[in-house]
Amino acid sequence: MADKRDNLKQIWWQPAIQLFAQVSAWIVLPIVVALFVGRWLDERFDKPPTFLISCVMIAFGITCFGLVRETVRAAKKMEEEAKVKSPKGKV
């Protein structure tokens, strides 16, 4: 019993770190990919930074979508956990 309590005390921060990592990935990965792809397309077609700007704009949209999606999932998960932990009828 004590081991189980110790494990719970040790991992109380794990969901927060997991959410931080997911949100960070949604911020960084689309932008980095857009920068490389946009620059490569600009060099390949010998254009001014048209493709770079377009790719960054698309990546920004993807980032916004991903952030909203992860936030909604995390909020639902927190609500479910609160319902389980709280007494009947009180949330």
PDB file of N, CA and C in Angstrom:
ATOM      1  N   MET A   1       0.823  -1.190   0.000  1.00  0.00           N
ATOM      2  CA  MET A   1       0.000   0.000   0.000  1.00  0.00           C
ATOM      3  C   MET A   1       0.868   1.255   0.000  1.00  0.00           C
ATOM      4  N   ALA A   2       1.916   1.239   0.813  1.00  0.00           N
ATOM      5  CA  ALA A   2       2.805   2.397   0.888  1.00  0.00           C
ATOM      6  C   ALA A   2       3.544   2.603  -0.433  1.00  0.00           C
ATOM      7  N   ASP A   3       3.898   1.482  -1.094  1.00  0.00           N
ATOM      8  CA  ASP A   3       4.581   1.594  -2.381  1.00  0.00           C
ATOM      9  C   ASP A   3       3.692   2.277  -3.416  1.00  0.00           C
ATOM     10  N   LYS A   4       2.415   1.937  -3.404  1.00  0.00           N
ATOM     11  CA  LYS A   4       1.483   2.538  -4.356  1.00  0.00           C
ATOM     12  C   LYS A   4       1.362   4.044  -4.109  1.00  0.00           C
ATOM     13  N   ARG A   5       1.279   4.440  -2.862  1.00  0.00           N
ATOM     14  CA  ARG A   5       1.200   5.869  -2.519  1.00  0.00           C
ATOM     15  C   ARG A   5       2.475   6.597  -2.936  1.00  0.00           C
ATOM     16  N   ASP A   6       3.616   5.958  -2.724  1.00  0.00           N
ATOM     17  CA  ASP A   6       4.888   6.571  -3.113  1.00  0.00           C
ATOM     18  C   ASP A   6       4.963   6.763  -4.620  1.00  0.00           C
ATOM     19  N   ASN A   7       4.496   5.761  -5.374  1.00  0.00           N
ATOM     20  CA  ASN A   7       4.485   5.876  -6.832  1.00  0.00           C
ATOM     21  C   ASN A   7       3.586   7.020  -7.282  1.00  0.00           C
ATOM     22  N   LEU A   8       2.423   7.165  -6.660  1.00  0.00           N
ATOM     23  CA  LEU A   8       1.514   8.248  -7.022  1.00  0.00           C
ATOM     24  C   LEU A   8       2.121   9.607  -6.707  1.00  0.00           C
ATOM     25  N   LYS A   9       2.826   9.697  -5.599  1.00  0.00           N
ATOM     26  CA  LYS A   9       3.473  10.959  -5.243  1.00  0.00           C
ATOM     27  C   LYS A   9       4.588  11.304  -6.222  1.00  0.00           C
ATOM     28  N   GLN A  10       5.282  10.295  -6.715  1.00  0.00           N
ATOM     29  CA  GLN A  10       6.404  10.531  -7.608  1.00  0.00           C
ATOM     30  C   GLN A  10       5.957  10.960  -9.002  1.00  0.00           C
ATOM     31  N   ILE A  11       4.794  10.514  -9.451  1.00  0.00           N
ATOM     32  CA  ILE A  11       4.398  10.802 -10.830  1.00  0.00           C
ATOM     33  C   ILE A  11       3.285  11.832 -10.942  1.00  0.00           C
ATOM     34  N   TRP A  12       3.044  12.633  -9.930  1.00  0.00           N
ATOM     35  CA  TRP A  12       1.980  13.631  -9.990  1.00  0.00           C
ATOM     36  C   TRP A  12       2.246  14.666 -11.074  1.00  0.00           C
ATOM     37  N   TRP A  13       3.508  14.880 -11.430  1.00  0.00           N
ATOM     38  CA  TRP A  13       3.898  15.891 -12.401  1.00  0.00           C
ATOM     39  C   TRP A  13       3.920  15.357 -13.828  1.00  0.00           C
ATOM     40  N   GLN A  14       3.819  14.058 -13.998  1.00  0.00           N
ATOM     41  CA  GLN A  14       3.975  13.445 -15.315  1.00  0.00           C
ATOM     42  C   GLN A  14       2.941  13.928 -16.342  1.00  0.00           C
ATOM     43  N   PRO A  15       1.651  14.041 -16.014  1.00  0.00           N
ATOM     44  CA  PRO A  15       0.697  14.541 -17.019  1.00  0.00           C
ATOM     45  C   PRO A  15       1.009  15.962 -17.487  1.00  0.00           C
ATOM     46  N   ALA A  16       1.496  16.795 -16.592  1.00  0.00           N
ATOM     47  CA  ALA A  16       1.836  18.170 -16.977  1.00  0.00           C
ATOM     48  C   ALA A  16       3.009  18.193 -17.950  1.00  0.00           C
ATOM     49  N   ILE A  17       4.005  17.378 -17.695  1.00  0.00           N
ATOM     50  CA  ILE A  17       5.163  17.310 -18.589  1.00  0.00           C
ATOM     51  C   ILE A  17       4.754  16.738 -19.938  1.00  0.00           C
ATOM     52  N   GLN A  18       3.874  15.748 -19.924  1.00  0.00           N
ATOM     53  CA  GLN A  18       3.404  15.152 -21.173  1.00  0.00           C
ATOM     54  C   GLN A  18       2.638  16.182 -22.007  1.00  0.00           C
ATOM     55  N   LEU A  19       1.761  16.943 -21.376  1.00  0.00           N
ATOM     56  CA  LEU A  19       1.017  17.983 -22.090  1.00  0.00           C
ATOM     57  C   LEU A  19       1.965  19.052 -22.624  1.00  0.00           C
ATOM     58  N   PHE A  20       2.950  19.443 -21.829  1.00  0.00           N
ATOM     59  CA  PHE A  20       3.940  20.423 -22.266  1.00  0.00           C
ATOM     60  C   PHE A  20       4.682  19.929 -23.505  1.00  0.00           C
ATOM     61  N   ALA A  21       5.076  18.667 -23.512  1.00  0.00           N
ATOM     62  CA  ALA A  21       5.797  18.106 -24.656  1.00  0.00           C
ATOM     63  C   ALA A  21       4.919  18.074 -25.903  1.00  0.00           C
ATOM     64  N   GLN A  22       3.656  17.697 -25.742  1.00  0.00           N
ATOM     65  CA  GLN A  22       2.752  17.650 -26.889  1.00  0.00           C
ATOM     66  C   GLN A  22       2.512  19.037 -27.469  1.00  0.00           C
ATOM     67  N   VAL A  23       2.281  20.005 -26.607  1.00  0.00           N
ATOM     68  CA  VAL A  23       2.041  21.373 -27.071  1.00  0.00           C
ATOM     69  C   VAL A  23       3.304  21.933 -27.725  1.00  0.00           C
ATOM     70  N   SER A  24       4.447  21.674 -27.133  1.00  0.00           N
ATOM     71  CA  SER A  24       5.706  22.149 -27.713  1.00  0.00           C
ATOM     72  C   SER A  24       5.940  21.546 -29.091  1.00  0.00           C
ATOM     73  N   ALA A  25       5.624  20.273 -29.233  1.00  0.00           N
ATOM     74  CA  ALA A  25       5.784  19.625 -30.535  1.00  0.00           C
ATOM     75  C   ALA A  25       4.871  20.261 -31.575  1.00  0.00           C
ATOM     76  N   TRP A  26       3.635  20.583 -31.190  1.00  0.00           N
ATOM     77  CA  TRP A  26       2.710  21.226 -32.128  1.00  0.00           C
ATOM     78  C   TRP A  26       3.182  22.630 -32.507  1.00  0.00           C
ATOM     79  N   ILE A  27       3.945  23.272 -31.657  1.00  0.00           N
ATOM     80  CA  ILE A  27       4.454  24.606 -31.976  1.00  0.00           C
ATOM     81  C   ILE A  27       5.696  24.508 -32.865  1.00  0.00           C
ATOM     82  N   VAL A  28       6.623  23.642 -32.515  1.00  0.00           N
ATOM     83  CA  VAL A  28       7.929  23.614 -33.166  1.00  0.00           C
ATOM     84  C   VAL A  28       7.930  22.850 -34.489  1.00  0.00           C
ATOM     85  N   LEU A  29       7.409  21.644 -34.506  1.00  0.00           N
ATOM     86  CA  LEU A  29       7.557  20.787 -35.685  1.00  0.00           C
ATOM     87  C   LEU A  29       6.962  21.365 -36.971  1.00  0.00           C
ATOM     88  N   PRO A  30       5.711  21.833 -36.992  1.00  0.00           N
ATOM     89  CA  PRO A  30       5.198  22.377 -38.256  1.00  0.00           C
ATOM     90  C   PRO A  30       5.999  23.577 -38.768  1.00  0.00           C
ATOM     91  N   ILE A  31       6.448  24.431 -37.873  1.00  0.00           N
ATOM     92  CA  ILE A  31       7.205  25.609 -38.296  1.00  0.00           C
ATOM     93  C   ILE A  31       8.567  25.212 -38.857  1.00  0.00           C
ATOM     94  N   VAL A  32       9.252  24.305 -38.191  1.00  0.00           N
ATOM     95  CA  VAL A  32      10.569  23.871 -38.665  1.00  0.00           C
ATOM     96  C   VAL A  32      10.447  23.188 -40.023  1.00  0.00           C
ATOM     97  N   VAL A  33       9.469  22.310 -40.171  1.00  0.00           N
ATOM     98  CA  VAL A  33       9.261  21.641 -41.461  1.00  0.00           C
ATOM     99  C   VAL A  33       8.936  22.675 -42.535  1.00  0.00           C
ATOM    100  N   ALA A  34       8.090  23.646 -42.212  1.00  0.00           N
ATOM    101  CA  ALA A  34       7.722  24.684 -43.179  1.00  0.00           C
ATOM    102  C   ALA A  34       8.939  25.500 -43.604  1.00  0.00           C
ATOM    103  N   LEU A  35       9.812  25.808 -42.667  1.00  0.00           N
ATOM    104  CA  LEU A  35      11.008  26.579 -43.014  1.00  0.00           C
ATOM    105  C   LEU A  35      11.894  25.823 -43.995  1.00  0.00           C
ATOM    106  N   PHE A  36      12.123  24.543 -43.725  1.00  0.00           N
ATOM    107  CA  PHE A  36      12.966  23.760 -44.624  1.00  0.00           C
ATOM    108  C   PHE A  36      12.308  23.546 -45.983  1.00  0.00           C
ATOM    109  N   VAL A  37      11.044  23.178 -45.986  1.00  0.00           N
ATOM    110  CA  VAL A  37      10.344  22.923 -47.252  1.00  0.00           C
ATOM    111  C   VAL A  37      10.216  24.213 -48.060  1.00  0.00           C
ATOM    112  N   GLY A  38       9.831  25.302 -47.410  1.00  0.00           N
ATOM    113  CA  GLY A  38       9.683  26.575 -48.108  1.00  0.00           C
ATOM    114  C   GLY A  38      10.981  27.065 -48.707  1.00  0.00           C
ATOM    115  N   ARG A  39      12.047  26.951 -47.951  1.00  0.00           N
ATOM    116  CA  ARG A  39      13.349  27.387 -48.475  1.00  0.00           C
ATOM    117  C   ARG A  39      13.796  26.506 -49.635  1.00  0.00           C
ATOM    118  N   TRP A  40      13.581  25.206 -49.513  1.00  0.00           N
ATOM    119  CA  TRP A  40      13.959  24.284 -50.584  1.00  0.00           C
ATOM    120  C   TRP A  40      13.171  24.593 -51.857  1.00  0.00           C
ATOM    121  N   LEU A  41      11.862  24.843 -51.713  1.00  0.00           N
ATOM    122  CA  LEU A  41      11.048  25.171 -52.882  1.00  0.00           C
ATOM    123  C   LEU A  41      11.471  26.499 -53.507  1.00  0.00           C
ATOM    124  N   ASP A  42      11.795  27.484 -52.693  1.00  0.00           N
ATOM    125  CA  ASP A  42      12.262  28.768 -53.222  1.00  0.00           C
ATOM    126  C   ASP A  42      13.560  28.608 -54.010  1.00  0.00           C
ATOM    127  N   GLU A  43      14.477  27.808 -53.493  1.00  0.00           N
ATOM    128  CA  GLU A  43      15.739  27.575 -54.201  1.00  0.00           C
ATOM    129  C   GLU A  43      15.516  26.770 -55.472  1.00  0.00           C
ATOM    130  N   ARG A  44      14.637  25.807 -55.398  1.00  0.00           N
ATOM    131  CA  ARG A  44      14.403  24.946 -56.558  1.00  0.00           C
ATOM    132  C   ARG A  44      13.757  25.711 -57.709  1.00  0.00           C
ATOM    133  N   PHE A  45      12.805  26.570 -57.412  1.00  0.00           N
ATOM    134  CA  PHE A  45      12.107  27.314 -58.455  1.00  0.00           C
ATOM    135  C   PHE A  45      12.657  28.729 -58.634  1.00  0.00           C
ATOM    136  N   ASP A  46      13.738  29.057 -57.948  1.00  0.00           N
ATOM    137  CA  ASP A  46      14.415  30.348 -58.063  1.00  0.00           C
ATOM    138  C   ASP A  46      13.437  31.512 -57.916  1.00  0.00           C
ATOM    139  N   LYS A  47      12.714  31.471 -56.829  1.00  0.00           N
ATOM    140  CA  LYS A  47      11.710  32.499 -56.531  1.00  0.00           C
ATOM    141  C   LYS A  47      12.141  33.282 -55.301  1.00  0.00           C
ATOM    142  N   PRO A  48      11.586  34.471 -55.137  1.00  0.00           N
ATOM    143  CA  PRO A  48      11.776  35.153 -53.849  1.00  0.00           C
ATOM    144  C   PRO A  48      11.073  34.330 -52.768  1.00  0.00           C
ATOM    145  N   PRO A  49      11.100  34.727 -51.541  1.00  0.00           N
ATOM    146  CA  PRO A  49      10.587  33.839 -50.481  1.00  0.00           C
ATOM    147  C   PRO A  49       9.073  33.626 -50.501  1.00  0.00           C
ATOM    148  N   THR A  50       8.518  33.434 -51.676  1.00  0.00           N
ATOM    149  CA  THR A  50       7.080  33.208 -51.809  1.00  0.00           C
ATOM    150  C   THR A  50       6.670  31.891 -51.163  1.00  0.00           C
ATOM    151  N   PHE A  51       7.380  30.827 -51.504  1.00  0.00           N
ATOM    152  CA  PHE A  51       7.042  29.514 -50.956  1.00  0.00           C
ATOM    153  C   PHE A  51       7.320  29.455 -49.454  1.00  0.00           C
ATOM    154  N   LEU A  52       8.386  30.094 -49.027  1.00  0.00           N
ATOM    155  CA  LEU A  52       8.719  30.109 -47.603  1.00  0.00           C
ATOM    156  C   LEU A  52       7.598  30.754 -46.795  1.00  0.00           C
ATOM    157  N   ILE A  53       7.145  31.901 -47.232  1.00  0.00           N
ATOM    158  CA  ILE A  53       6.071  32.598 -46.518  1.00  0.00           C
ATOM    159  C   ILE A  53       4.782  31.788 -46.564  1.00  0.00           C
ATOM    160  N   SER A  54       4.485  31.207 -47.717  1.00  0.00           N
ATOM    161  CA  SER A  54       3.271  30.386 -47.841  1.00  0.00           C
ATOM    162  C   SER A  54       3.324  29.174 -46.915  1.00  0.00           C
ATOM    163  N   CYS A  55       4.462  28.506 -46.896  1.00  0.00           N
ATOM    164  CA  CYS A  55       4.599  27.325 -46.037  1.00  0.00           C
ATOM    165  C   CYS A  55       4.504  27.692 -44.558  1.00  0.00           C
ATOM    166  N   VAL A  56       5.068  28.815 -44.176  1.00  0.00           N
ATOM    167  CA  VAL A  56       4.996  29.242 -42.775  1.00  0.00           C
ATOM    168  C   VAL A  56       3.555  29.580 -42.405  1.00  0.00           C
ATOM    169  N   MET A  57       2.817  30.200 -43.315  1.00  0.00           N
ATOM    170  CA  MET A  57       1.413  30.513 -43.041  1.00  0.00           C
ATOM    171  C   MET A  57       0.591  29.236 -42.871  1.00  0.00           C
ATOM    172  N   ILE A  58       0.837  28.256 -43.726  1.00  0.00           N
ATOM    173  CA  ILE A  58       0.135  26.972 -43.611  1.00  0.00           C
ATOM    174  C   ILE A  58       0.516  26.287 -42.297  1.00  0.00           C
ATOM    175  N   ALA A  59       1.795  26.331 -41.959  1.00  0.00           N
ATOM    176  CA  ALA A  59       2.256  25.721 -40.705  1.00  0.00           C
ATOM    177  C   ALA A  59       1.629  26.403 -39.499  1.00  0.00           C
ATOM    178  N   PHE A  60       1.443  27.711 -39.572  1.00  0.00           N
ATOM    179  CA  PHE A  60       0.798  28.432 -38.476  1.00  0.00           C
ATOM    180  C   PHE A  60      -0.632  27.931 -38.285  1.00  0.00           C
ATOM    181  N   GLY A  61      -1.339  27.718 -39.388  1.00  0.00           N
ATOM    182  CA  GLY A  61      -2.698  27.171 -39.301  1.00  0.00           C
ATOM    183  C   GLY A  61      -2.712  25.774 -38.700  1.00  0.00           C
ATOM    184  N   ILE A  62      -1.775  24.951 -39.139  1.00  0.00           N
ATOM    185  CA  ILE A  62      -1.672  23.592 -38.598  1.00  0.00           C
ATOM    186  C   ILE A  62      -1.352  23.642 -37.103  1.00  0.00           C
ATOM    187  N   THR A  63      -0.467  24.542 -36.715  1.00  0.00           N
ATOM    188  CA  THR A  63      -0.111  24.698 -35.306  1.00  0.00           C
ATOM    189  C   THR A  63      -1.320  25.111 -34.476  1.00  0.00           C
ATOM    190  N   CYS A  64      -2.078  26.075 -34.968  1.00  0.00           N
ATOM    191  CA  CYS A  64      -3.277  26.523 -34.235  1.00  0.00           C
ATOM    192  C   CYS A  64      -4.266  25.375 -34.073  1.00  0.00           C
ATOM    193  N   PHE A  65      -4.496  24.621 -35.146  1.00  0.00           N
ATOM    194  CA  PHE A  65      -5.403  23.478 -35.086  1.00  0.00           C
ATOM    195  C   PHE A  65      -4.916  22.465 -34.051  1.00  0.00           C
ATOM    196  N   GLY A  66      -3.640  22.136 -34.087  1.00  0.00           N
ATOM    197  CA  GLY A  66      -3.087  21.159 -33.154  1.00  0.00           C
ATOM    198  C   GLY A  66      -3.158  21.611 -31.709  1.00  0.00           C
ATOM    199  N   LEU A  67      -2.896  22.890 -31.470  1.00  0.00           N
ATOM    200  CA  LEU A  67      -2.958  23.408 -30.104  1.00  0.00           C
ATOM    201  C   LEU A  67      -4.376  23.352 -29.553  1.00  0.00           C
ATOM    202  N   VAL A  68      -5.348  23.737 -30.366  1.00  0.00           N
ATOM    203  CA  VAL A  68      -6.744  23.679 -29.918  1.00  0.00           C
ATOM    204  C   VAL A  68      -7.140  22.236 -29.648  1.00  0.00           C
ATOM    205  N   ARG A  69      -6.758  21.347 -30.533  1.00  0.00           N
ATOM    206  CA  ARG A  69      -7.091  19.926 -30.387  1.00  0.00           C
ATOM    207  C   ARG A  69      -6.509  19.351 -29.094  1.00  0.00           C
ATOM    208  N   GLU A  70      -5.239  19.608 -28.834  1.00  0.00           N
ATOM    209  CA  GLU A  70      -4.604  19.090 -27.621  1.00  0.00           C
ATOM    210  C   GLU A  70      -5.192  19.717 -26.364  1.00  0.00           C
ATOM    211  N   THR A  71      -5.523  20.997 -26.433  1.00  0.00           N
ATOM    212  CA  THR A  71      -6.109  21.672 -25.274  1.00  0.00           C
ATOM    213  C   THR A  71      -7.477  21.100 -24.942  1.00  0.00           C
ATOM    214  N   VAL A  72      -8.291  20.856 -25.955  1.00  0.00           N
ATOM    215  CA  VAL A  72      -9.623  20.282 -25.728  1.00  0.00           C
ATOM    216  C   VAL A  72      -9.494  18.878 -25.144  1.00  0.00           C
ATOM    217  N   ARG A  73      -8.582  18.090 -25.686  1.00  0.00           N
ATOM    218  CA  ARG A  73      -8.369  16.732 -25.149  1.00  0.00           C
ATOM    219  C   ARG A  73      -7.940  16.776 -23.681  1.00  0.00           C
ATOM    220  N   ALA A  74      -7.015  17.670 -23.369  1.00  0.00           N
ATOM    221  CA  ALA A  74      -6.530  17.768 -21.989  1.00  0.00           C
ATOM    222  C   ALA A  74      -7.643  18.230 -21.052  1.00  0.00           C
ATOM    223  N   ALA A  75      -8.472  19.166 -21.507  1.00  0.00           N
ATOM    224  CA  ALA A  75      -9.577  19.650 -20.670  1.00  0.00           C
ATOM    225  C   ALA A  75     -10.581  18.534 -20.400  1.00  0.00           C
ATOM    226  N   LYS A  76     -10.905  17.746 -21.428  1.00  0.00           N
ATOM    227  CA  LYS A  76     -11.833  16.627 -21.244  1.00  0.00           C
ATOM    228  C   LYS A  76     -11.253  15.599 -20.271  1.00  0.00           C
ATOM    229  N   LYS A  77      -9.970  15.325 -20.417  1.00  0.00           N
ATOM    230  CA  LYS A  77      -9.325  14.355 -19.533  1.00  0.00           C
ATOM    231  C   LYS A  77      -9.343  14.847 -18.084  1.00  0.00           C
ATOM    232  N   MET A  78      -9.087  16.145 -17.877  1.00  0.00           N
ATOM    233  CA  MET A  78      -9.118  16.701 -16.524  1.00  0.00           C
ATOM    234  C   MET A  78     -10.522  16.656 -15.938  1.00  0.00           C
ATOM    235  N   GLU A  79     -11.536  16.909 -16.766  1.00  0.00           N
ATOM    236  CA  GLU A  79     -12.924  16.831 -16.296  1.00  0.00           C
ATOM    237  C   GLU A  79     -13.268  15.415 -15.856  1.00  0.00           C
ATOM    238  N   GLU A  80     -12.870  14.426 -16.668  1.00  0.00           N
ATOM    239  CA  GLU A  80     -13.153  13.033 -16.330  1.00  0.00           C
ATOM    240  C   GLU A  80     -12.451  12.637 -15.030  1.00  0.00           C
ATOM    241  N   GLU A  81     -11.211  13.058 -14.871  1.00  0.00           N
ATOM    242  CA  GLU A  81     -10.480  12.742 -13.645  1.00  0.00           C
ATOM    243  C   GLU A  81     -11.113  13.426 -12.439  1.00  0.00           C
ATOM    244  N   ALA A  82     -11.619  14.634 -12.627  1.00  0.00           N
ATOM    245  CA  ALA A  82     -12.268  15.351 -11.527  1.00  0.00           C
ATOM    246  C   ALA A  82     -13.563  14.654 -11.124  1.00  0.00           C
ATOM    247  N   LYS A  83     -14.300  14.123 -12.099  1.00  0.00           N
ATOM    248  CA  LYS A  83     -15.541  13.405 -11.795  1.00  0.00           C
ATOM    249  C   LYS A  83     -15.252  12.139 -11.004  1.00  0.00           C
ATOM    250  N   VAL A  84     -14.180  11.448 -11.363  1.00  0.00           N
ATOM    251  CA  VAL A  84     -13.821  10.210 -10.677  1.00  0.00           C
ATOM    252  C   VAL A  84     -13.371  10.501  -9.247  1.00  0.00           C
ATOM    253  N   LYS A  85     -12.630  11.566  -9.050  1.00  0.00           N
ATOM    254  CA  LYS A  85     -12.085  11.881  -7.728  1.00  0.00           C
ATOM    255  C   LYS A  85     -13.095  12.532  -6.798  1.00  0.00           C
ATOM    256  N   SER A  86     -14.076  13.241  -7.349  1.00  0.00           N
ATOM    257  CA  SER A  86     -15.016  13.972  -6.492  1.00  0.00           C
ATOM    258  C   SER A  86     -16.139  13.061  -6.013  1.00  0.00           C
ATOM    259  N   PRO A  87     -16.771  13.411  -4.896  1.00  0.00           N
ATOM    260  CA  PRO A  87     -17.916  12.638  -4.412  1.00  0.00           C
ATOM    261  C   PRO A  87     -19.068  12.718  -5.413  1.00  0.00           C
ATOM    262  N   LYS A  88     -19.999  11.797  -5.295  1.00  0.00           N
ATOM    263  CA  LYS A  88     -21.124  11.748  -6.234  1.00  0.00           C
ATOM    264  C   LYS A  88     -21.875  13.070  -6.269  1.00  0.00           C
ATOM    265  N   GLY A  89     -22.134  13.525  -7.483  1.00  0.00           N
ATOM    266  CA  GLY A  89     -22.944  14.719  -7.668  1.00  0.00           C
ATOM    267  C   GLY A  89     -22.216  16.029  -7.498  1.00  0.00           C
ATOM    268  N   LYS A  90     -20.974  15.995  -7.082  1.00  0.00           N
ATOM    269  CA  LYS A  90     -20.238  17.245  -6.895  1.00  0.00           C
ATOM    270  C   LYS A  90     -19.061  17.285  -7.852  1.00  0.00           C
ATOM    271  N   VAL A  91     -19.125  18.216  -8.787  1.00  0.00           N
ATOM    272  CA  VAL A  91     -18.012  18.393  -9.730  1.00  0.00           C
ATOM    273  C   VAL A  91     -17.659  19.841  -9.806  1.00  0.00           C
TER     274      VAL A  91
END
